[in-house]
PDB file of N, CA and C in Angstrom:
ATOM      1  N   MET A   1      24.404   8.395  14.710  1.00  0.00           N
ATOM      2  CA  MET A   1      23.705   7.259  14.157  1.00  0.00           C
ATOM      3  C   MET A   1      22.268   7.678  13.944  1.00  0.00           C
ATOM      4  N   ALA A   2      21.720   7.238  12.837  1.00  0.00           N
ATOM      5  CA  ALA A   2      20.309   7.511  12.539  1.00  0.00           C
ATOM      6  C   ALA A   2      19.685   6.280  11.890  1.00  0.00           C
ATOM      7  N   ILE A   3      18.449   6.087  12.198  1.00  0.00           N
ATOM      8  CA  ILE A   3      17.690   4.980  11.584  1.00  0.00           C
ATOM      9  C   ILE A   3      16.525   5.620  10.887  1.00  0.00           C
ATOM     10  N   ALA A   4      16.330   5.248   9.608  1.00  0.00           N
ATOM     11  CA  ALA A   4      15.254   5.848   8.848  1.00  0.00           C
ATOM     12  C   ALA A   4      14.771   4.887   7.777  1.00  0.00           C
ATOM     13  N   LEU A   5      13.528   5.084   7.391  1.00  0.00           N
ATOM     14  CA  LEU A   5      13.003   4.387   6.227  1.00  0.00           C
ATOM     15  C   LEU A   5      13.151   5.345   5.046  1.00  0.00           C
ATOM     16  N   LEU A   6      13.876   4.930   4.050  1.00  0.00           N
ATOM     17  CA  LEU A   6      14.124   5.776   2.888  1.00  0.00           C
ATOM     18  C   LEU A   6      13.505   5.159   1.657  1.00  0.00           C
ATOM     19  N   THR A   7      13.027   6.020   0.788  1.00  0.00           N
ATOM     20  CA  THR A   7      12.550   5.555  -0.495  1.00  0.00           C
ATOM     21  C   THR A   7      13.740   5.386  -1.441  1.00  0.00           C
ATOM     22  N   GLU A   8      13.513   4.717  -2.539  1.00  0.00           N
ATOM     23  CA  GLU A   8      14.586   4.583  -3.544  1.00  0.00           C
ATOM     24  C   GLU A   8      15.064   5.961  -3.981  1.00  0.00           C
ATOM     25  N   ARG A   9      14.129   6.894  -4.118  1.00  0.00           N
ATOM     26  CA  ARG A   9      14.471   8.263  -4.530  1.00  0.00           C
ATOM     27  C   ARG A   9      15.388   8.908  -3.501  1.00  0.00           C
ATOM     28  N   ASP A  10      15.105   8.702  -2.222  1.00  0.00           N
ATOM     29  CA  ASP A  10      15.981   9.255  -1.161  1.00  0.00           C
ATOM     30  C   ASP A  10      17.391   8.698  -1.282  1.00  0.00           C
ATOM     31  N   ILE A  11      17.493   7.405  -1.460  1.00  0.00           N
ATOM     32  CA  ILE A  11      18.797   6.753  -1.558  1.00  0.00           C
ATOM     33  C   ILE A  11      19.585   7.310  -2.738  1.00  0.00           C
ATOM     34  N   GLU A  12      18.906   7.505  -3.862  1.00  0.00           N
ATOM     35  CA  GLU A  12      19.562   8.062  -5.054  1.00  0.00           C
ATOM     36  C   GLU A  12      20.004   9.515  -4.766  1.00  0.00           C
ATOM     37  N   ARG A  13      19.172  10.270  -4.086  1.00  0.00           N
ATOM     38  CA  ARG A  13      19.468  11.672  -3.788  1.00  0.00           C
ATOM     39  C   ARG A  13      20.684  11.814  -2.898  1.00  0.00           C
ATOM     40  N   TYR A  14      20.769  11.005  -1.856  1.00  0.00           N
ATOM     41  CA  TYR A  14      21.898  11.084  -0.914  1.00  0.00           C
ATOM     42  C   TYR A  14      23.153  10.469  -1.441  1.00  0.00           C
ATOM     43  N   GLY A  15      23.018   9.496  -2.334  1.00  0.00           N
ATOM     44  CA  GLY A  15      24.159   8.884  -2.991  1.00  0.00           C
ATOM     45  C   GLY A  15      25.280   8.486  -2.048  1.00  0.00           C
ATOM     46  N   ASN A  16      26.489   8.985  -2.314  1.00  0.00           N
ATOM     47  CA  ASN A  16      27.662   8.623  -1.534  1.00  0.00           C
ATOM     48  C   ASN A  16      27.652   9.217  -0.129  1.00  0.00           C
ATOM     49  N   ASN A  17      26.704  10.099   0.178  1.00  0.00           N
ATOM     50  CA  ASN A  17      26.626  10.663   1.527  1.00  0.00           C
ATOM     51  C   ASN A  17      26.108   9.662   2.543  1.00  0.00           C
ATOM     52  N   LEU A  18      25.530   8.578   2.071  1.00  0.00           N
ATOM     53  CA  LEU A  18      25.104   7.529   2.986  1.00  0.00           C
ATOM     54  C   LEU A  18      26.279   6.568   3.185  1.00  0.00           C
ATOM     55  N   SER A  19      26.790   6.520   4.396  1.00  0.00           N
ATOM     56  CA  SER A  19      27.942   5.636   4.631  1.00  0.00           C
ATOM     57  C   SER A  19      27.512   4.186   4.680  1.00  0.00           C
ATOM     58  N   ARG A  20      26.315   3.952   5.160  1.00  0.00           N
ATOM     59  CA  ARG A  20      25.779   2.583   5.207  1.00  0.00           C
ATOM     60  C   ARG A  20      24.306   2.614   4.938  1.00  0.00           C
ATOM     61  N   CYS A  21      23.856   1.674   4.180  1.00  0.00           N
ATOM     62  CA  CYS A  21      22.447   1.559   3.873  1.00  0.00           C
ATOM     63  C   CYS A  21      22.094   0.078   3.847  1.00  0.00           C
ATOM     64  N   TYR A  22      21.233  -0.316   4.753  1.00  0.00           N
ATOM     65  CA  TYR A  22      20.831  -1.725   4.813  1.00  0.00           C
ATOM     66  C   TYR A  22      19.416  -1.832   4.291  1.00  0.00           C
ATOM     67  N   ARG A  23      19.291  -2.539   3.225  1.00  0.00           N
ATOM     68  CA  ARG A  23      17.967  -2.718   2.626  1.00  0.00           C
ATOM     69  C   ARG A  23      17.236  -3.872   3.312  1.00  0.00           C
ATOM     70  N   ILE A  24      15.940  -3.703   3.479  1.00  0.00           N
ATOM     71  CA  ILE A  24      15.144  -4.806   4.018  1.00  0.00           C
ATOM     72  C   ILE A  24      14.617  -5.621   2.848  1.00  0.00           C
ATOM     73  N   GLU A  25      14.505  -6.899   3.075  1.00  0.00           N
ATOM     74  CA  GLU A  25      13.987  -7.753   2.020  1.00  0.00           C
ATOM     75  C   GLU A  25      12.491  -7.487   1.876  1.00  0.00           C
ATOM     76  N   THR A  26      12.006  -7.709   0.693  1.00  0.00           N
ATOM     77  CA  THR A  26      10.589  -7.532   0.444  1.00  0.00           C
ATOM     78  C   THR A  26       9.800  -8.488   1.336  1.00  0.00           C
ATOM     79  N   SER A  27       8.845  -7.936   2.006  1.00  0.00           N
ATOM     80  CA  SER A  27       8.024  -8.713   2.916  1.00  0.00           C
ATOM     81  C   SER A  27       6.612  -8.177   2.860  1.00  0.00           C
ATOM     82  N   ALA A  28       5.668  -9.052   2.824  1.00  0.00           N
ATOM     83  CA  ALA A  28       4.260  -8.651   2.760  1.00  0.00           C
ATOM     84  C   ALA A  28       3.866  -7.782   3.959  1.00  0.00           C
ATOM     85  N   GLU A  29       4.565  -7.962   5.069  1.00  0.00           N
ATOM     86  CA  GLU A  29       4.282  -7.176   6.269  1.00  0.00           C
ATOM     87  C   GLU A  29       4.548  -5.683   6.049  1.00  0.00           C
ATOM     88  N   PHE A  30       5.475  -5.344   5.181  1.00  0.00           N
ATOM     89  CA  PHE A  30       5.835  -3.972   4.939  1.00  0.00           C
ATOM     90  C   PHE A  30       5.183  -3.379   3.704  1.00  0.00           C
ATOM     91  N   ASP A  31       4.487  -4.178   2.922  1.00  0.00           N
ATOM     92  CA  ASP A  31       3.917  -3.698   1.656  1.00  0.00           C
ATOM     93  C   ASP A  31       3.039  -2.455   1.837  1.00  0.00           C
ATOM     94  N   ASN A  32       2.107  -2.507   2.786  1.00  0.00           N
ATOM     95  CA  ASN A  32       1.181  -1.383   2.971  1.00  0.00           C
ATOM     96  C   ASN A  32       1.939  -0.148   3.456  1.00  0.00           C
ATOM     97  N   LEU A  33       2.857  -0.330   4.415  1.00  0.00           N
ATOM     98  CA  LEU A  33       3.635   0.800   4.892  1.00  0.00           C
ATOM     99  C   LEU A  33       4.459   1.425   3.778  1.00  0.00           C
ATOM    100  N   LEU A  34       5.149   0.614   3.009  1.00  0.00           N
ATOM    101  CA  LEU A  34       5.977   1.141   1.916  1.00  0.00           C
ATOM    102  C   LEU A  34       5.125   1.815   0.845  1.00  0.00           C
ATOM    103  N   HIS A  35       3.955   1.289   0.594  1.00  0.00           N
ATOM    104  CA  HIS A  35       3.042   1.918  -0.385  1.00  0.00           C
ATOM    105  C   HIS A  35       2.624   3.301   0.129  1.00  0.00           C
ATOM    106  N   MET A  36       2.295   3.390   1.409  1.00  0.00           N
ATOM    107  CA  MET A  36       1.883   4.687   1.970  1.00  0.00           C
ATOM    108  C   MET A  36       3.040   5.696   1.957  1.00  0.00           C
ATOM    109  N   ILE A  37       4.243   5.233   2.214  1.00  0.00           N
ATOM    110  CA  ILE A  37       5.415   6.127   2.171  1.00  0.00           C
ATOM    111  C   ILE A  37       5.649   6.619   0.736  1.00  0.00           C
ATOM    112  N   ASP A  38       5.577   5.729  -0.227  1.00  0.00           N
ATOM    113  CA  ASP A  38       5.768   6.114  -1.629  1.00  0.00           C
ATOM    114  C   ASP A  38       4.691   7.106  -2.063  1.00  0.00           C
ATOM    115  N   LYS A  39       3.452   6.862  -1.629  1.00  0.00           N
ATOM    116  CA  LYS A  39       2.344   7.741  -1.991  1.00  0.00           C
ATOM    117  C   LYS A  39       2.571   9.148  -1.379  1.00  0.00           C
ATOM    118  N   ALA A  40       2.987   9.195  -0.118  1.00  0.00           N
ATOM    119  CA  ALA A  40       3.246  10.484   0.539  1.00  0.00           C
ATOM    120  C   ALA A  40       4.415  11.196  -0.136  1.00  0.00           C
ATOM    121  N   ASP A  41       5.447  10.466  -0.526  1.00  0.00           N
ATOM    122  CA  ASP A  41       6.604  11.045  -1.201  1.00  0.00           C
ATOM    123  C   ASP A  41       6.185  11.657  -2.547  1.00  0.00           C
ATOM    124  N   ALA A  42       5.347  10.932  -3.280  1.00  0.00           N
ATOM    125  CA  ALA A  42       4.880  11.457  -4.577  1.00  0.00           C
ATOM    126  C   ALA A  42       4.029  12.713  -4.368  1.00  0.00           C
ATOM    127  N   ALA A  43       3.198  12.728  -3.338  1.00  0.00           N
ATOM    128  CA  ALA A  43       2.368  13.907  -3.053  1.00  0.00           C
ATOM    129  C   ALA A  43       3.242  15.106  -2.678  1.00  0.00           C
ATOM    130  N   LEU A  44       4.305  14.867  -1.921  1.00  0.00           N
ATOM    131  CA  LEU A  44       5.225  15.935  -1.532  1.00  0.00           C
ATOM    132  C   LEU A  44       5.904  16.520  -2.777  1.00  0.00           C
ATOM    133  N   ILE A  45       6.338  15.661  -3.672  1.00  0.00           N
ATOM    134  CA  ILE A  45       6.979  16.110  -4.908  1.00  0.00           C
ATOM    135  C   ILE A  45       5.997  16.946  -5.731  1.00  0.00           C
ATOM    136  N   ALA A  46       4.767  16.479  -5.845  1.00  0.00           N
ATOM    137  CA  ALA A  46       3.755  17.203  -6.625  1.00  0.00           C
ATOM    138  C   ALA A  46       3.499  18.575  -6.014  1.00  0.00           C
ATOM    139  N   ARG A  47       3.377  18.672  -4.688  1.00  0.00           N
ATOM    140  CA  ARG A  47       3.166  19.967  -4.034  1.00  0.00           C
ATOM    141  C   ARG A  47       4.349  20.891  -4.255  1.00  0.00           C
ATOM    142  N   SER A  48       5.535  20.359  -4.211  1.00  0.00           N
ATOM    143  CA  SER A  48       6.737  21.172  -4.439  1.00  0.00           C
ATOM    144  C   SER A  48       6.756  21.728  -5.840  1.00  0.00           C
ATOM    145  N   ARG A  49       6.366  20.912  -6.806  1.00  0.00           N
ATOM    146  CA  ARG A  49       6.332  21.380  -8.216  1.00  0.00           C
ATOM    147  C   ARG A  49       5.275  22.457  -8.381  1.00  0.00           C
ATOM    148  N   ASP A  50       4.102  22.283  -7.731  1.00  0.00           N
ATOM    149  CA  ASP A  50       3.022  23.274  -7.840  1.00  0.00           C
ATOM    150  C   ASP A  50       3.471  24.627  -7.261  1.00  0.00           C
ATOM    151  N   ARG A  51       4.255  24.602  -6.218  1.00  0.00           N
ATOM    152  CA  ARG A  51       4.719  25.852  -5.580  1.00  0.00           C
ATOM    153  C   ARG A  51       5.764  26.580  -6.415  1.00  0.00           C
ATOM    154  N   THR A  52       6.523  25.827  -7.192  1.00  0.00           N
ATOM    155  CA  THR A  52       7.583  26.462  -7.961  1.00  0.00           C
ATOM    156  C   THR A  52       7.158  26.805  -9.380  1.00  0.00           C
ATOM    157  N   SER A  53       5.959  26.399  -9.783  1.00  0.00           N
ATOM    158  CA  SER A  53       5.524  26.714 -11.166  1.00  0.00           C
ATOM    159  C   SER A  53       4.752  28.000 -11.218  1.00  0.00           C
TER     160      SER A  53
END
C-alpha cells in the first residue's frame, strides 16, 4: 500500500498500473500545495529536457 500526491501527469503516465486512485475534491486548503507541486514537476521536466538536449 502506498499513499502519494500525484499530478495529473503522473496519473496519465502510470495509467492502468494504478489499481486505485482516489481524487481529492478541489479545496482552497490544497490550492497552494498543489500549485507548488505542479511548479516543482514542471521544473523537473525542464531540467530533464536540458540534460538530454
